[in-house]
N, C-alpha and C. Protein backbone atom coordinates (compact mmCIF):
# COMPACT_ATOMS: atom_id res chain seq x y z
N MET A 1 138.68 102.28 92.53
CA MET A 1 138.21 102.62 93.47
C MET A 1 138.26 101.05 93.79
N LYS A 2 139.45 101.29 95.30
CA LYS A 2 139.61 99.55 95.78
C LYS A 2 138.17 98.94 96.13
N GLY A 3 138.70 97.27 95.51
CA GLY A 3 137.60 96.90 95.64
C GLY A 3 136.39 97.21 94.60
N TYR A 4 136.27 97.68 93.99
CA TYR A 4 135.37 98.40 92.74
C TYR A 4 135.62 98.32 91.50
N TYR A 5 134.42 98.11 90.45
CA TYR A 5 134.87 98.28 88.93
C TYR A 5 133.89 99.27 88.63
N ILE A 6 133.54 99.91 87.35
CA ILE A 6 132.83 100.39 86.55
C ILE A 6 132.93 99.73 84.79
N SER A 7 131.87 99.39 84.62
CA SER A 7 132.02 98.67 83.22
C SER A 7 130.58 99.15 82.09
N SER A 8 131.30 99.12 80.91
CA SER A 8 129.76 99.50 79.95
C SER A 8 128.73 98.64 79.04
N ASP A 9 130.02 97.05 79.68
CA ASP A 9 129.48 95.91 79.21
C ASP A 9 128.29 95.78 79.50
N LYS A 10 127.32 95.34 78.35
CA LYS A 10 125.92 95.12 78.98
C LYS A 10 125.53 93.67 79.37
N LYS A 11 126.58 93.17 78.72
CA LYS A 11 127.11 91.56 79.53
C LYS A 11 127.02 91.48 80.66
N GLU A 12 127.60 92.13 81.23
CA GLU A 12 127.57 92.29 82.55
C GLU A 12 126.72 92.65 83.62
N LEU A 13 125.46 93.63 82.97
CA LEU A 13 124.34 93.76 83.66
C LEU A 13 123.46 92.53 84.68
N ASN A 14 123.08 93.35 85.32
CA ASN A 14 122.62 92.17 86.12
C ASN A 14 120.90 92.51 86.51
N PHE A 15 120.41 92.40 85.34
CA PHE A 15 118.74 92.80 84.87
C PHE A 15 117.94 92.38 86.99
N ASP A 16 118.45 91.50 87.06
CA ASP A 16 117.37 91.76 88.50
C ASP A 16 117.41 92.86 89.27
N ILE A 17 119.12 92.72 89.73
CA ILE A 17 119.29 94.24 90.38
C ILE A 17 118.87 95.59 90.05
N ILE A 18 118.60 95.62 88.74
CA ILE A 18 118.82 96.52 88.23
C ILE A 18 116.98 97.19 88.48
N TYR A 19 116.29 95.96 88.09
CA TYR A 19 114.56 96.68 88.29
C TYR A 19 113.98 96.34 89.59
N GLY A 20 115.15 95.32 90.31
CA GLY A 20 114.68 95.45 91.85
C GLY A 20 114.70 96.76 92.38
N PHE A 21 115.71 97.71 91.77
CA PHE A 21 115.73 99.04 92.68
C PHE A 21 115.07 99.98 91.86
N LEU A 22 115.44 99.58 90.54
CA LEU A 22 114.46 101.00 89.45
C LEU A 22 112.37 100.91 89.86
N SER A 23 111.83 99.66 89.84
CA SER A 23 110.88 99.82 89.81
C SER A 23 109.74 100.20 91.49
N THR A 24 111.00 100.27 92.00
CA THR A 24 111.09 101.08 93.87
C THR A 24 111.35 101.94 93.94
N SER A 25 111.73 102.98 92.62
CA SER A 25 112.67 104.23 93.08
C SER A 25 111.07 104.90 92.46
N TYR A 26 111.18 106.69 93.10
CA TYR A 26 110.51 107.95 93.10
C TYR A 26 110.38 107.66 91.32
N TRP A 27 111.51 107.23 90.78
CA TRP A 27 111.16 108.16 89.58
C TRP A 27 110.63 107.39 88.13
N ALA A 28 111.02 105.87 88.69
CA ALA A 28 110.83 104.69 87.80
C ALA A 28 109.84 103.09 88.58
N ASP A 29 109.21 104.04 89.60
CA ASP A 29 108.48 103.12 90.23
C ASP A 29 107.44 102.25 89.55
N ASN A 30 107.25 101.26 89.51
CA ASN A 30 106.30 99.60 89.22
C ASN A 30 106.78 100.17 87.17
N ILE A 31 107.90 100.39 87.41
CA ILE A 31 108.14 100.16 85.78
C ILE A 31 108.05 98.71 85.24
N PRO A 32 107.28 98.10 83.99
CA PRO A 32 106.58 97.25 83.23
C PRO A 32 108.40 96.66 82.96
N GLU A 33 108.71 95.78 83.50
CA GLU A 33 110.48 94.84 82.81
C GLU A 33 110.28 95.14 81.41
N SER A 34 109.28 95.08 80.98
CA SER A 34 109.85 94.41 79.63
C SER A 34 110.23 96.16 78.54
N VAL A 35 109.56 97.64 79.87
CA VAL A 35 109.70 98.81 78.90
C VAL A 35 110.76 99.36 79.76
N LEU A 36 111.43 98.46 80.81
CA LEU A 36 113.60 98.74 81.40
C LEU A 36 114.33 98.03 80.37
N ARG A 37 113.70 97.09 79.89
CA ARG A 37 114.92 95.73 79.53
C ARG A 37 114.87 96.61 78.03
N LYS A 38 113.66 97.81 77.41
CA LYS A 38 113.89 97.91 76.58
C LYS A 38 114.50 100.07 76.52
N ALA A 39 114.52 100.28 77.47
CA ALA A 39 115.13 100.85 78.12
C ALA A 39 116.96 101.40 77.96
N ILE A 40 117.00 99.95 78.23
CA ILE A 40 118.59 99.34 78.59
C ILE A 40 118.85 99.31 77.54
N GLU A 41 118.83 98.63 76.32
CA GLU A 41 118.76 97.98 75.16
C GLU A 41 118.83 99.03 74.41
N ASN A 42 118.09 100.38 74.43
CA ASN A 42 118.68 101.50 73.73
C ASN A 42 119.65 102.69 74.57
N ALA A 43 120.31 102.40 75.04
CA ALA A 43 121.65 103.22 76.01
C ALA A 43 122.64 102.65 76.24
N PHE A 44 123.22 104.28 76.35
CA PHE A 44 124.18 103.62 76.88
C PHE A 44 124.06 103.25 78.50
N CYS A 45 124.43 102.17 78.67
CA CYS A 45 124.73 101.95 80.58
C CYS A 45 126.19 101.93 80.79
N PHE A 46 126.26 101.48 82.62
CA PHE A 46 127.27 101.66 83.24
C PHE A 46 126.67 100.75 84.22
N GLY A 47 127.49 100.06 84.69
CA GLY A 47 127.31 99.43 86.23
C GLY A 47 128.44 99.40 87.13
N VAL A 48 127.92 99.29 88.14
CA VAL A 48 129.44 99.77 88.85
C VAL A 48 129.09 98.61 89.59
N TYR A 49 130.44 97.83 90.17
CA TYR A 49 130.28 96.19 90.80
C TYR A 49 131.10 96.09 91.41
N LEU A 50 131.52 95.29 92.50
CA LEU A 50 132.32 94.92 93.41
C LEU A 50 133.21 94.06 92.69
N ASP A 51 134.48 93.71 93.24
CA ASP A 51 135.51 93.34 92.02
C ASP A 51 134.76 91.80 91.85
N SER A 52 134.47 90.78 92.89
CA SER A 52 133.61 89.47 92.79
C SER A 52 132.94 89.56 91.47
N GLY A 53 132.69 90.83 90.30
CA GLY A 53 131.44 90.65 89.80
C GLY A 53 129.69 91.56 90.14
N GLU A 54 129.43 91.63 91.39
CA GLU A 54 128.36 91.36 92.39
C GLU A 54 127.78 93.14 91.79
N GLN A 55 126.53 93.34 91.04
CA GLN A 55 126.37 94.91 90.51
C GLN A 55 125.74 95.29 91.75
N VAL A 56 126.21 96.62 92.31
CA VAL A 56 126.29 97.50 92.97
C VAL A 56 125.75 98.69 93.03
N GLY A 57 125.45 99.26 91.51
CA GLY A 57 125.22 100.38 91.33
C GLY A 57 124.91 100.67 89.79
N PHE A 58 124.25 101.71 88.88
CA PHE A 58 124.10 101.91 87.47
C PHE A 58 123.93 103.03 87.17
N ALA A 59 123.97 103.58 85.87
CA ALA A 59 123.27 104.74 85.01
C ALA A 59 122.95 104.42 83.90
N ARG A 60 122.66 105.59 83.08
CA ARG A 60 122.50 105.09 81.70
C ARG A 60 122.31 106.45 80.89
N VAL A 61 122.72 106.50 80.03
CA VAL A 61 122.81 107.75 78.96
C VAL A 61 121.89 107.89 77.55
N ILE A 62 121.42 108.38 77.45
CA ILE A 62 120.40 108.47 76.17
C ILE A 62 121.10 109.16 75.23
N THR A 63 121.42 109.38 74.06
CA THR A 63 122.07 110.59 73.37
C THR A 63 122.35 110.14 71.97
N ASP A 64 122.74 111.07 71.49
CA ASP A 64 122.74 111.65 69.89
C ASP A 64 123.77 110.88 69.49
N GLN A 65 125.04 111.22 70.12
CA GLN A 65 126.70 111.31 70.36
C GLN A 65 127.19 112.43 69.62
N ALA A 66 126.37 113.33 69.32
CA ALA A 66 126.64 114.98 68.92
C ALA A 66 126.36 115.96 69.52
N THR A 67 125.25 116.43 69.72
CA THR A 67 124.54 117.52 70.51
C THR A 67 124.65 117.10 72.40
N PHE A 68 123.61 116.28 72.49
CA PHE A 68 122.64 115.88 73.60
C PHE A 68 122.97 114.30 74.33
N ALA A 69 122.78 114.54 75.97
CA ALA A 69 122.76 113.35 76.49
C ALA A 69 121.67 113.89 77.70
N TYR A 70 121.22 112.54 77.98
CA TYR A 70 120.17 112.82 79.20
C TYR A 70 120.71 111.23 79.54
N LEU A 71 120.90 112.04 81.13
CA LEU A 71 121.32 111.27 82.54
C LEU A 71 119.87 110.62 83.06
N ALA A 72 120.22 109.46 83.42
CA ALA A 72 118.87 109.04 83.82
C ALA A 72 119.51 107.35 84.52
N ASP A 73 118.66 107.13 85.55
CA ASP A 73 118.28 106.29 86.45
C ASP A 73 119.30 105.96 87.42
N VAL A 74 120.20 106.96 87.63
CA VAL A 74 121.72 106.35 88.40
C VAL A 74 121.15 106.13 89.73
N PHE A 75 121.71 105.33 90.32
CA PHE A 75 121.88 104.88 91.84
C PHE A 75 123.21 104.03 92.06
N ILE A 76 123.38 103.55 92.89
CA ILE A 76 123.92 102.62 93.91
C ILE A 76 123.24 101.98 95.58
N LEU A 77 123.27 101.00 95.42
CA LEU A 77 122.57 100.63 96.33
C LEU A 77 123.27 100.94 98.01
N GLU A 78 122.62 100.99 98.60
CA GLU A 78 122.32 101.55 100.13
C GLU A 78 123.43 101.23 100.87
N ALA A 79 124.11 99.83 100.23
CA ALA A 79 125.02 99.19 101.19
C ALA A 79 126.74 99.57 100.78
N HIS A 80 126.22 100.01 99.53
CA HIS A 80 127.61 100.63 99.17
C HIS A 80 127.65 102.16 98.98
N ARG A 81 126.70 102.96 99.73
CA ARG A 81 126.72 104.36 99.80
C ARG A 81 127.80 105.28 100.61
N GLY A 82 127.95 106.07 100.76
CA GLY A 82 128.76 106.99 101.38
C GLY A 82 130.37 106.87 100.88
N LYS A 83 130.97 105.37 100.10
CA LYS A 83 131.94 105.95 99.77
C LYS A 83 132.78 106.53 98.52
N GLY A 84 132.09 107.06 97.68
CA GLY A 84 132.00 107.65 96.43
C GLY A 84 131.71 107.48 95.90
N LEU A 85 131.44 106.53 95.35
CA LEU A 85 131.03 105.30 93.85
C LEU A 85 129.89 106.32 93.13
N SER A 86 129.23 107.23 93.64
CA SER A 86 128.29 107.91 92.86
C SER A 86 129.04 109.12 92.47
N LYS A 87 129.87 109.43 92.33
CA LYS A 87 130.84 111.12 92.50
C LYS A 87 132.06 109.50 91.18
N TRP A 88 132.31 108.32 91.37
CA TRP A 88 132.97 107.68 90.30
C TRP A 88 132.66 107.67 89.57
N LEU A 89 131.37 107.29 89.31
CA LEU A 89 130.53 106.78 88.62
C LEU A 89 130.51 108.24 87.31
N ILE A 90 129.30 109.29 87.80
CA ILE A 90 129.40 110.63 86.75
C ILE A 90 130.44 110.47 86.74
N ALA A 91 131.91 110.93 87.03
CA ALA A 91 133.18 111.55 86.24
C ALA A 91 132.96 110.24 85.09
N THR A 92 133.23 108.68 85.44
CA THR A 92 133.49 107.76 84.37
C THR A 92 132.37 108.09 83.49
N ILE A 93 130.94 108.45 83.37
CA ILE A 93 130.07 108.95 82.58
C ILE A 93 130.57 110.08 81.68
N LEU A 94 131.01 110.83 82.16
CA LEU A 94 130.94 112.45 81.93
C LEU A 94 132.50 112.43 80.87
N GLU A 95 133.29 111.13 81.47
CA GLU A 95 134.54 110.95 80.47
C GLU A 95 134.86 110.08 79.48
N ALA A 96 134.05 109.34 79.13
CA ALA A 96 133.49 108.24 78.16
C ALA A 96 133.50 109.25 76.81
N PRO A 97 134.44 108.68 76.18
CA PRO A 97 134.58 108.64 74.67
C PRO A 97 133.23 108.77 74.14
N ASP A 98 132.52 108.33 73.95
CA ASP A 98 131.21 108.56 72.98
C ASP A 98 130.79 109.78 73.70
N LEU A 99 130.64 110.15 74.97
CA LEU A 99 129.93 111.17 75.35
C LEU A 99 131.07 112.52 75.33
N GLN A 100 132.00 112.59 74.52
CA GLN A 100 132.62 113.73 74.62
C GLN A 100 132.21 114.41 73.10
N GLY A 101 132.49 115.75 73.51
CA GLY A 101 131.96 117.38 72.73
C GLY A 101 130.23 117.16 72.36
N LEU A 102 129.92 117.01 73.36
CA LEU A 102 128.20 117.34 73.68
C LEU A 102 128.07 118.93 73.94
N ARG A 103 127.25 119.63 73.40
CA ARG A 103 126.85 120.88 74.12
C ARG A 103 125.91 120.87 74.80
N ARG A 104 124.98 119.38 75.58
CA ARG A 104 124.16 120.04 76.67
C ARG A 104 124.11 118.22 77.17
N VAL A 105 123.88 117.78 78.20
CA VAL A 105 123.53 116.55 79.49
C VAL A 105 122.92 117.32 80.42
N LEU A 106 121.53 116.65 80.35
CA LEU A 106 120.68 117.32 80.91
C LEU A 106 120.18 116.06 81.98
N LEU A 107 119.64 115.81 82.89
CA LEU A 107 119.17 115.53 83.98
C LEU A 107 117.91 115.74 84.51
N THR A 108 117.53 115.04 85.23
CA THR A 108 116.02 115.39 86.46
C THR A 108 116.78 114.41 87.74
N THR A 109 116.42 115.53 88.63
CA THR A 109 116.30 114.78 89.97
C THR A 109 115.53 115.45 90.72
N LYS A 110 115.38 114.63 91.90
CA LYS A 110 114.84 115.72 93.62
C LYS A 110 115.55 115.51 94.55
N ASP A 111 117.17 115.05 94.50
CA ASP A 111 117.95 114.74 95.29
C ASP A 111 119.26 114.88 95.00
N ALA A 112 120.23 114.52 95.82
CA ALA A 112 121.38 115.15 95.25
C ALA A 112 122.03 115.89 94.24
N HIS A 113 121.38 117.14 94.69
CA HIS A 113 122.20 118.57 94.13
C HIS A 113 123.37 118.27 94.08
N GLY A 114 124.14 118.27 95.23
CA GLY A 114 125.01 118.40 95.40
C GLY A 114 126.27 117.71 94.17
N LEU A 115 125.97 116.26 94.45
CA LEU A 115 127.05 115.33 93.51
C LEU A 115 126.73 115.89 92.27
N TYR A 116 125.51 116.19 91.62
CA TYR A 116 125.98 116.57 90.44
C TYR A 116 126.33 117.82 90.08
N ALA A 117 126.17 118.59 90.93
CA ALA A 117 126.52 120.16 91.05
C ALA A 117 128.63 120.40 91.03
N GLN A 118 129.33 119.07 91.75
CA GLN A 118 130.47 118.44 91.47
C GLN A 118 131.22 118.56 90.19
N HIS A 119 129.99 118.27 89.45
CA HIS A 119 131.06 117.74 87.99
C HIS A 119 130.21 118.69 86.98
N GLY A 120 129.92 119.82 87.12
CA GLY A 120 129.34 120.97 86.35
C GLY A 120 127.82 121.07 86.58
N PHE A 121 127.30 120.30 86.59
CA PHE A 121 125.87 120.36 86.96
C PHE A 121 125.30 121.45 87.15
N VAL A 122 124.20 122.65 87.00
CA VAL A 122 123.92 123.48 87.13
C VAL A 122 122.03 123.73 87.13
N GLN A 123 121.52 124.24 87.66
CA GLN A 123 119.63 124.38 87.99
C GLN A 123 119.89 125.07 86.26
N VAL A 124 118.58 124.90 85.58
CA VAL A 124 118.16 125.18 84.28
C VAL A 124 118.27 126.78 84.25
N GLU A 125 118.97 127.35 83.55
CA GLU A 125 118.92 129.05 83.74
C GLU A 125 117.56 129.12 83.50
N HIS A 126 117.10 128.13 82.31
CA HIS A 126 115.25 129.39 81.62
C HIS A 126 114.45 127.92 82.00
N PRO A 127 113.81 128.04 82.88
CA PRO A 127 113.38 126.34 83.12
C PRO A 127 111.85 126.52 81.99
N GLU A 128 111.34 127.92 82.04
CA GLU A 128 110.58 127.98 81.42
C GLU A 128 110.55 127.69 79.86
N ARG A 129 111.83 127.59 78.78
CA ARG A 129 112.24 126.60 77.86
C ARG A 129 111.87 125.56 77.69
N LEU A 130 111.86 124.53 79.17
CA LEU A 130 111.53 123.44 78.65
C LEU A 130 110.43 122.94 78.86
N MET A 131 109.99 121.64 78.28
CA MET A 131 108.85 121.27 78.00
C MET A 131 108.71 120.02 78.07
N HIS A 132 107.91 119.20 78.39
CA HIS A 132 107.68 117.57 77.98
C HIS A 132 106.31 117.20 78.46
N ILE A 133 106.31 116.07 78.17
CA ILE A 133 105.01 115.30 77.67
C ILE A 133 105.09 114.19 78.49
N TRP A 134 103.95 113.83 79.65
CA TRP A 134 104.06 113.32 80.85
C TRP A 134 103.05 112.02 80.32
N TYR A 135 103.23 110.98 80.25
CA TYR A 135 102.28 109.20 80.36
C TYR A 135 102.59 108.71 81.39
N PRO A 136 101.65 108.69 82.42
CA PRO A 136 102.21 108.08 83.33
C PRO A 136 101.69 106.58 83.40
């Protein structure tokens, strides 16, 4: 996309941008910095950047690289929304070589269902089969 690029090189990530957004998001509100650093360290990460190198978006994937992946922490900074960056980011993630051949990719979100549907995501057919432990 003109003026932007996506990279999975963690050295390019701007932790302050990521933490600044996620620590105020509905899904990671008040996440401790140390927890987020560990989460990033142990996941495949994708950053969206202006050609100048300024980070404007992020997503991470937790996976066994064989059968399952969990897509998390997807965001584009407000000033850069409406340009197709989220769509491009999701497509790039789903095309990543390390994520090919998986049986399932899961995400949880209360918004942007239309975005994810464009990439093949559907509501879970049997939500009664899903369980979780929540440690707030």
